[in-house]
PDB file of N, CA and C in Angstrom:
ATOM      1  N   MET A   1      20.833  -3.987 -17.813  1.00  0.00           N
ATOM      2  CA  MET A   1      21.550  -5.206 -17.435  1.00  0.00           C
ATOM      3  C   MET A   1      23.031  -5.080 -17.799  1.00  0.00           C
ATOM      4  N   THR A   2      23.886  -5.342 -16.849  1.00  0.00           N
ATOM      5  CA  THR A   2      25.318  -5.261 -17.108  1.00  0.00           C
ATOM      6  C   THR A   2      25.856  -6.644 -17.450  1.00  0.00           C
ATOM      7  N   HIS A   3      26.978  -6.689 -18.124  1.00  0.00           N
ATOM      8  CA  HIS A   3      27.552  -7.966 -18.532  1.00  0.00           C
ATOM      9  C   HIS A   3      28.123  -8.718 -17.339  1.00  0.00           C
ATOM     10  N   SER A   4      28.518  -8.001 -16.296  1.00  0.00           N
ATOM     11  CA  SER A   4      29.110  -8.637 -15.124  1.00  0.00           C
ATOM     12  C   SER A   4      28.070  -9.422 -14.331  1.00  0.00           C
ATOM     13  N   MET A   5      26.802  -9.115 -14.554  1.00  0.00           N
ATOM     14  CA  MET A   5      25.742  -9.806 -13.826  1.00  0.00           C
ATOM     15  C   MET A   5      25.604 -11.237 -14.349  1.00  0.00           C
ATOM     16  N   PRO A   6      25.639 -12.231 -13.466  1.00  0.00           N
ATOM     17  CA  PRO A   6      25.519 -13.617 -13.919  1.00  0.00           C
ATOM     18  C   PRO A   6      24.138 -13.895 -14.489  1.00  0.00           C
ATOM     19  N   SER A   7      24.104 -14.505 -15.668  1.00  0.00           N
ATOM     20  CA  SER A   7      22.820 -14.799 -16.300  1.00  0.00           C
ATOM     21  C   SER A   7      22.301 -16.149 -15.837  1.00  0.00           C
ATOM     22  N   ALA A   8      21.026 -16.411 -16.094  1.00  0.00           N
ATOM     23  CA  ALA A   8      20.412 -17.680 -15.692  1.00  0.00           C
ATOM     24  C   ALA A   8      21.079 -18.844 -16.431  1.00  0.00           C
ATOM     25  N   GLU A   9      21.388 -18.634 -17.713  1.00  0.00           N
ATOM     26  CA  GLU A   9      22.026 -19.683 -18.510  1.00  0.00           C
ATOM     27  C   GLU A   9      23.390 -20.027 -17.932  1.00  0.00           C
ATOM     28  N   HIS A  10      24.116 -19.007 -17.532  1.00  0.00           N
ATOM     29  CA  HIS A  10      25.437 -19.195 -16.951  1.00  0.00           C
ATOM     30  C   HIS A  10      25.319 -19.999 -15.662  1.00  0.00           C
ATOM     31  N   ALA A  11      24.295 -19.713 -14.874  1.00  0.00           N
ATOM     32  CA  ALA A  11      24.091 -20.398 -13.600  1.00  0.00           C
ATOM     33  C   ALA A  11      23.780 -21.873 -13.815  1.00  0.00           C
ATOM     34  N   GLU A  12      23.172 -22.199 -14.957  1.00  0.00           N
ATOM     35  CA  GLU A  12      22.816 -23.595 -15.246  1.00  0.00           C
ATOM     36  C   GLU A  12      24.054 -24.486 -15.289  1.00  0.00           C
ATOM     37  N   ASN A  13      25.179 -23.942 -15.770  1.00  0.00           N
ATOM     38  CA  ASN A  13      26.399 -24.736 -15.942  1.00  0.00           C
ATOM     39  C   ASN A  13      27.232 -24.792 -14.666  1.00  0.00           C
ATOM     40  N   GLN A  14      26.741 -24.256 -13.579  1.00  0.00           N
ATOM     41  CA  GLN A  14      27.518 -24.203 -12.348  1.00  0.00           C
ATOM     42  C   GLN A  14      26.991 -25.188 -11.315  1.00  0.00           C
ATOM     43  N   SER A  15      27.782 -25.375 -10.269  1.00  0.00           N
ATOM     44  CA  SER A  15      27.358 -26.239  -9.171  1.00  0.00           C
ATOM     45  C   SER A  15      26.188 -25.585  -8.449  1.00  0.00           C
ATOM     46  N   PRO A  16      25.376 -26.371  -7.740  1.00  0.00           N
ATOM     47  CA  PRO A  16      24.211 -25.805  -7.039  1.00  0.00           C
ATOM     48  C   PRO A  16      24.579 -24.633  -6.142  1.00  0.00           C
ATOM     49  N   HIS A  17      25.738 -24.729  -5.497  1.00  0.00           N
ATOM     50  CA  HIS A  17      26.157 -23.648  -4.603  1.00  0.00           C
ATOM     51  C   HIS A  17      26.398 -22.366  -5.388  1.00  0.00           C
ATOM     52  N   GLU A  18      27.131 -22.492  -6.489  1.00  0.00           N
ATOM     53  CA  GLU A  18      27.414 -21.326  -7.330  1.00  0.00           C
ATOM     54  C   GLU A  18      26.115 -20.746  -7.883  1.00  0.00           C
ATOM     55  N   ARG A  19      25.203 -21.649  -8.257  1.00  0.00           N
ATOM     56  CA  ARG A  19      23.926 -21.213  -8.805  1.00  0.00           C
ATOM     57  C   ARG A  19      23.171 -20.400  -7.755  1.00  0.00           C
ATOM     58  N   MET A  20      23.206 -20.886  -6.511  1.00  0.00           N
ATOM     59  CA  MET A  20      22.514 -20.195  -5.427  1.00  0.00           C
ATOM     60  C   MET A  20      23.130 -18.812  -5.220  1.00  0.00           C
ATOM     61  N   LYS A  21      24.464 -18.758  -5.271  1.00  0.00           N
ATOM     62  CA  LYS A  21      25.163 -17.488  -5.089  1.00  0.00           C
ATOM     63  C   LYS A  21      24.748 -16.495  -6.174  1.00  0.00           C
ATOM     64  N   ALA A  22      24.684 -16.995  -7.402  1.00  0.00           N
ATOM     65  CA  ALA A  22      24.293 -16.146  -8.529  1.00  0.00           C
ATOM     66  C   ALA A  22      22.878 -15.626  -8.331  1.00  0.00           C
ATOM     67  N   CYS A  23      21.995 -16.501  -7.845  1.00  0.00           N
ATOM     68  CA  CYS A  23      20.601 -16.108  -7.644  1.00  0.00           C
ATOM     69  C   CYS A  23      20.483 -15.040  -6.567  1.00  0.00           C
ATOM     70  N   THR A  24      21.194 -15.238  -5.450  1.00  0.00           N
ATOM     71  CA  THR A  24      21.117 -14.247  -4.370  1.00  0.00           C
ATOM     72  C   THR A  24      21.682 -12.922  -4.859  1.00  0.00           C
ATOM     73  N   TYR A  25      22.740 -12.991  -5.687  1.00  0.00           N
ATOM     74  CA  TYR A  25      23.329 -11.773  -6.241  1.00  0.00           C
ATOM     75  C   TYR A  25      22.294 -11.032  -7.083  1.00  0.00           C
ATOM     76  N   LEU A  26      21.601 -11.796  -7.932  1.00  0.00           N
ATOM     77  CA  LEU A  26      20.572 -11.198  -8.783  1.00  0.00           C
ATOM     78  C   LEU A  26      19.480 -10.564  -7.935  1.00  0.00           C
ATOM     79  N   HIS A  27      19.030 -11.306  -6.928  1.00  0.00           N
ATOM     80  CA  HIS A  27      17.941 -10.807  -6.093  1.00  0.00           C
ATOM     81  C   HIS A  27      18.355  -9.547  -5.346  1.00  0.00           C
ATOM     82  N   ARG A  28      19.582  -9.545  -4.829  1.00  0.00           N
ATOM     83  CA  ARG A  28      20.049  -8.387  -4.083  1.00  0.00           C
ATOM     84  C   ARG A  28      20.075  -7.160  -4.989  1.00  0.00           C
ATOM     85  N   ASN A  29      20.558  -7.365  -6.214  1.00  0.00           N
ATOM     86  CA  ASN A  29      20.606  -6.249  -7.159  1.00  0.00           C
ATOM     87  C   ASN A  29      19.211  -5.764  -7.520  1.00  0.00           C
ATOM     88  N   MET A  30      18.288  -6.718  -7.690  1.00  0.00           N
ATOM     89  CA  MET A  30      16.906  -6.359  -8.013  1.00  0.00           C
ATOM     90  C   MET A  30      16.319  -5.524  -6.882  1.00  0.00           C
ATOM     91  N   ASP A  31      16.539  -5.969  -5.641  1.00  0.00           N
ATOM     92  CA  ASP A  31      16.015  -5.241  -4.487  1.00  0.00           C
ATOM     93  C   ASP A  31      16.542  -3.814  -4.485  1.00  0.00           C
ATOM     94  N   LYS A  32      17.836  -3.680  -4.734  1.00  0.00           N
ATOM     95  CA  LYS A  32      18.452  -2.349  -4.748  1.00  0.00           C
ATOM     96  C   LYS A  32      17.790  -1.476  -5.801  1.00  0.00           C
ATOM     97  N   ARG A  33      17.610  -2.064  -6.984  1.00  0.00           N
ATOM     98  CA  ARG A  33      17.030  -1.305  -8.085  1.00  0.00           C
ATOM     99  C   ARG A  33      15.598  -0.901  -7.750  1.00  0.00           C
ATOM    100  N   VAL A  34      14.835  -1.849  -7.208  1.00  0.00           N
ATOM    101  CA  VAL A  34      13.441  -1.571  -6.852  1.00  0.00           C
ATOM    102  C   VAL A  34      13.389  -0.464  -5.807  1.00  0.00           C
ATOM    103  N   HIS A  35      14.308  -0.532  -4.848  1.00  0.00           N
ATOM    104  CA  HIS A  35      14.348   0.481  -3.795  1.00  0.00           C
ATOM    105  C   HIS A  35      14.599   1.854  -4.402  1.00  0.00           C
ATOM    106  N   LEU A  36      15.536   1.910  -5.336  1.00  0.00           N
ATOM    107  CA  LEU A  36      15.843   3.183  -5.998  1.00  0.00           C
ATOM    108  C   LEU A  36      14.630   3.702  -6.759  1.00  0.00           C
ATOM    109  N   ILE A  37      13.953   2.786  -7.464  1.00  0.00           N
ATOM    110  CA  ILE A  37      12.764   3.179  -8.229  1.00  0.00           C
ATOM    111  C   ILE A  37      11.700   3.726  -7.287  1.00  0.00           C
ATOM    112  N   ASP A  38      11.523   3.040  -6.139  1.00  0.00           N
ATOM    113  CA  ASP A  38      10.543   3.494  -5.149  1.00  0.00           C
ATOM    114  C   ASP A  38      10.872   4.905  -4.686  1.00  0.00           C
ATOM    115  N   ARG A  39      12.135   5.137  -4.360  1.00  0.00           N
ATOM    116  CA  ARG A  39      12.546   6.459  -3.883  1.00  0.00           C
ATOM    117  C   ARG A  39      12.292   7.507  -4.957  1.00  0.00           C
ATOM    118  N   TYR A  40      12.589   7.155  -6.210  1.00  0.00           N
ATOM    119  CA  TYR A  40      12.386   8.072  -7.326  1.00  0.00           C
ATOM    120  C   TYR A  40      10.907   8.409  -7.470  1.00  0.00           C
ATOM    121  N   ALA A  41      10.062   7.369  -7.337  1.00  0.00           N
ATOM    122  CA  ALA A  41       8.617   7.566  -7.458  1.00  0.00           C
ATOM    123  C   ALA A  41       8.114   8.496  -6.362  1.00  0.00           C
ATOM    124  N   VAL A  42       8.617   8.290  -5.152  1.00  0.00           N
ATOM    125  CA  VAL A  42       8.208   9.137  -4.024  1.00  0.00           C
ATOM    126  C   VAL A  42       8.622  10.579  -4.294  1.00  0.00           C
ATOM    127  N   LEU A  43       9.847  10.757  -4.776  1.00  0.00           N
ATOM    128  CA  LEU A  43      10.329  12.108  -5.083  1.00  0.00           C
ATOM    129  C   LEU A  43       9.462  12.755  -6.154  1.00  0.00           C
ATOM    130  N   LEU A  44       9.119  11.979  -7.177  1.00  0.00           N
ATOM    131  CA  LEU A  44       8.271  12.501  -8.251  1.00  0.00           C
ATOM    132  C   LEU A  44       6.928  12.943  -7.704  1.00  0.00           C
ATOM    133  N   ARG A  45       6.352  12.102  -6.835  1.00  0.00           N
ATOM    134  CA  ARG A  45       5.043  12.410  -6.269  1.00  0.00           C
ATOM    135  C   ARG A  45       5.124  13.699  -5.455  1.00  0.00           C
ATOM    136  N   LEU A  46       6.194  13.836  -4.685  1.00  0.00           N
ATOM    137  CA  LEU A  46       6.377  15.046  -3.881  1.00  0.00           C
ATOM    138  C   LEU A  46       6.466  16.265  -4.790  1.00  0.00           C
ATOM    139  N   LYS A  47       7.219  16.109  -5.876  1.00  0.00           N
ATOM    140  CA  LYS A  47       7.394  17.208  -6.824  1.00  0.00           C
ATOM    141  C   LYS A  47       6.044  17.615  -7.410  1.00  0.00           C
ATOM    142  N   GLN A  48       5.249  16.609  -7.806  1.00  0.00           N
ATOM    143  CA  GLN A  48       3.939  16.882  -8.402  1.00  0.00           C
ATOM    144  C   GLN A  48       3.042  17.623  -7.423  1.00  0.00           C
ATOM    145  N   THR A  49       3.004  17.152  -6.166  1.00  0.00           N
ATOM    146  CA  THR A  49       2.149  17.813  -5.177  1.00  0.00           C
ATOM    147  C   THR A  49       2.631  19.238  -4.947  1.00  0.00           C
ATOM    148  N   ALA A  50       3.941  19.423  -4.943  1.00  0.00           N
ATOM    149  CA  ALA A  50       4.496  20.758  -4.727  1.00  0.00           C
ATOM    150  C   ALA A  50       4.067  21.702  -5.844  1.00  0.00           C
ATOM    151  N   THR A  51       4.171  21.243  -7.095  1.00  0.00           N
ATOM    152  CA  THR A  51       3.788  22.106  -8.216  1.00  0.00           C
ATOM    153  C   THR A  51       2.289  22.378  -8.192  1.00  0.00           C
ATOM    154  N   LYS A  52       1.495  21.350  -7.868  1.00  0.00           N
ATOM    155  CA  LYS A  52       0.039  21.532  -7.783  1.00  0.00           C
ATOM    156  C   LYS A  52      -0.283  22.587  -6.739  1.00  0.00           C
ATOM    157  N   TRP A  53       0.385  22.469  -5.586  1.00  0.00           N
ATOM    158  CA  TRP A  53       0.155  23.391  -4.474  1.00  0.00           C
ATOM    159  C   TRP A  53       0.522  24.813  -4.891  1.00  0.00           C
ATOM    160  N   GLN A  54       1.664  24.944  -5.577  1.00  0.00           N
ATOM    161  CA  GLN A  54       2.096  26.271  -6.037  1.00  0.00           C
ATOM    162  C   GLN A  54       1.084  26.850  -7.018  1.00  0.00           C
ATOM    163  N   GLN A  55       0.599  26.009  -7.934  1.00  0.00           N
ATOM    164  CA  GLN A  55      -0.373  26.469  -8.928  1.00  0.00           C
ATOM    165  C   GLN A  55      -1.653  26.932  -8.246  1.00  0.00           C
ATOM    166  N   SER A  56      -2.146  26.123  -7.309  1.00  0.00           N
ATOM    167  CA  SER A  56      -3.400  26.467  -6.633  1.00  0.00           C
ATOM    168  C   SER A  56      -3.227  27.735  -5.801  1.00  0.00           C
ATOM    169  N   ARG A  57      -2.006  27.962  -5.303  1.00  0.00           N
ATOM    170  CA  ARG A  57      -1.752  29.168  -4.509  1.00  0.00           C
ATOM    171  C   ARG A  57      -1.659  30.396  -5.397  1.00  0.00           C
ATOM    172  N   SER A  58      -1.039  30.226  -6.566  1.00  0.00           N
ATOM    173  CA  SER A  58      -0.796  31.393  -7.419  1.00  0.00           C
ATOM    174  C   SER A  58      -1.993  31.720  -8.305  1.00  0.00           C
ATOM    175  N   THR A  59      -2.899  30.781  -8.523  1.00  0.00           N
ATOM    176  CA  THR A  59      -4.038  31.023  -9.414  1.00  0.00           C
ATOM    177  C   THR A  59      -4.951  32.142  -8.903  1.00  0.00           C
ATOM    178  N   PRO A  60      -5.423  32.085  -7.644  1.00  0.00           N
ATOM    179  CA  PRO A  60      -6.309  33.159  -7.169  1.00  0.00           C
ATOM    180  C   PRO A  60      -5.626  34.524  -7.248  1.00  0.00           C
ATOM    181  N   TYR A  61      -4.329  34.532  -6.974  1.00  0.00           N
ATOM    182  CA  TYR A  61      -3.571  35.776  -7.006  1.00  0.00           C
ATOM    183  C   TYR A  61      -3.595  36.358  -8.413  1.00  0.00           C
ATOM    184  N   ARG A  62      -3.358  35.488  -9.413  1.00  0.00           N
ATOM    185  CA  ARG A  62      -3.356  35.932 -10.799  1.00  0.00           C
ATOM    186  C   ARG A  62      -4.744  36.448 -11.185  1.00  0.00           C
ATOM    187  N   GLU A  63      -5.774  35.716 -10.786  1.00  0.00           N
ATOM    188  CA  GLU A  63      -7.142  36.127 -11.118  1.00  0.00           C
ATOM    189  C   GLU A  63      -7.462  37.471 -10.466  1.00  0.00           C
ATOM    190  N   GLY A  64      -7.000  37.624  -9.240  1.00  0.00           N
ATOM    191  CA  GLY A  64      -7.237  38.875  -8.515  1.00  0.00           C
ATOM    192  C   GLY A  64      -6.596  40.049  -9.234  1.00  0.00           C
ATOM    193  N   LYS A  65      -5.403  39.819  -9.760  1.00  0.00           N
ATOM    194  CA  LYS A  65      -4.706  40.889 -10.485  1.00  0.00           C
ATOM    195  C   LYS A  65      -5.470  41.248 -11.752  1.00  0.00           C
ATOM    196  N   LYS A  66      -6.026  40.213 -12.416  1.00  0.00           N
ATOM    197  CA  LYS A  66      -6.769  40.454 -13.655  1.00  0.00           C
ATOM    198  C   LYS A  66      -8.001  41.322 -13.371  1.00  0.00           C
ATOM    199  N   ASN A  67      -8.662  41.060 -12.238  1.00  0.00           N
ATOM    200  CA  ASN A  67      -9.897  41.772 -11.910  1.00  0.00           C
ATOM    201  C   ASN A  67      -9.670  43.246 -11.604  1.00  0.00           C
ATOM    202  N   ASP A  68      -8.476  43.591 -11.173  1.00  0.00           N
ATOM    203  CA  ASP A  68      -8.235  44.988 -10.767  1.00  0.00           C
ATOM    204  C   ASP A  68      -8.476  45.977 -11.889  1.00  0.00           C
TER     205      ASP A  68
END
């Protein structure tokens, strides 16, 4: 949370219009943050599947070398 972000308490002392503006600002920022988190989660999932795939591909090869 940054200090520039209007707090709920601060919004209480403002006119309804200002309060609404503060709320939309908060919501917009939340949406942005959630979107970023979603993208990060997707990237993480892709990374995990990639490593799993690499492991499953390299395991038989390693075992084959051991058997020689």
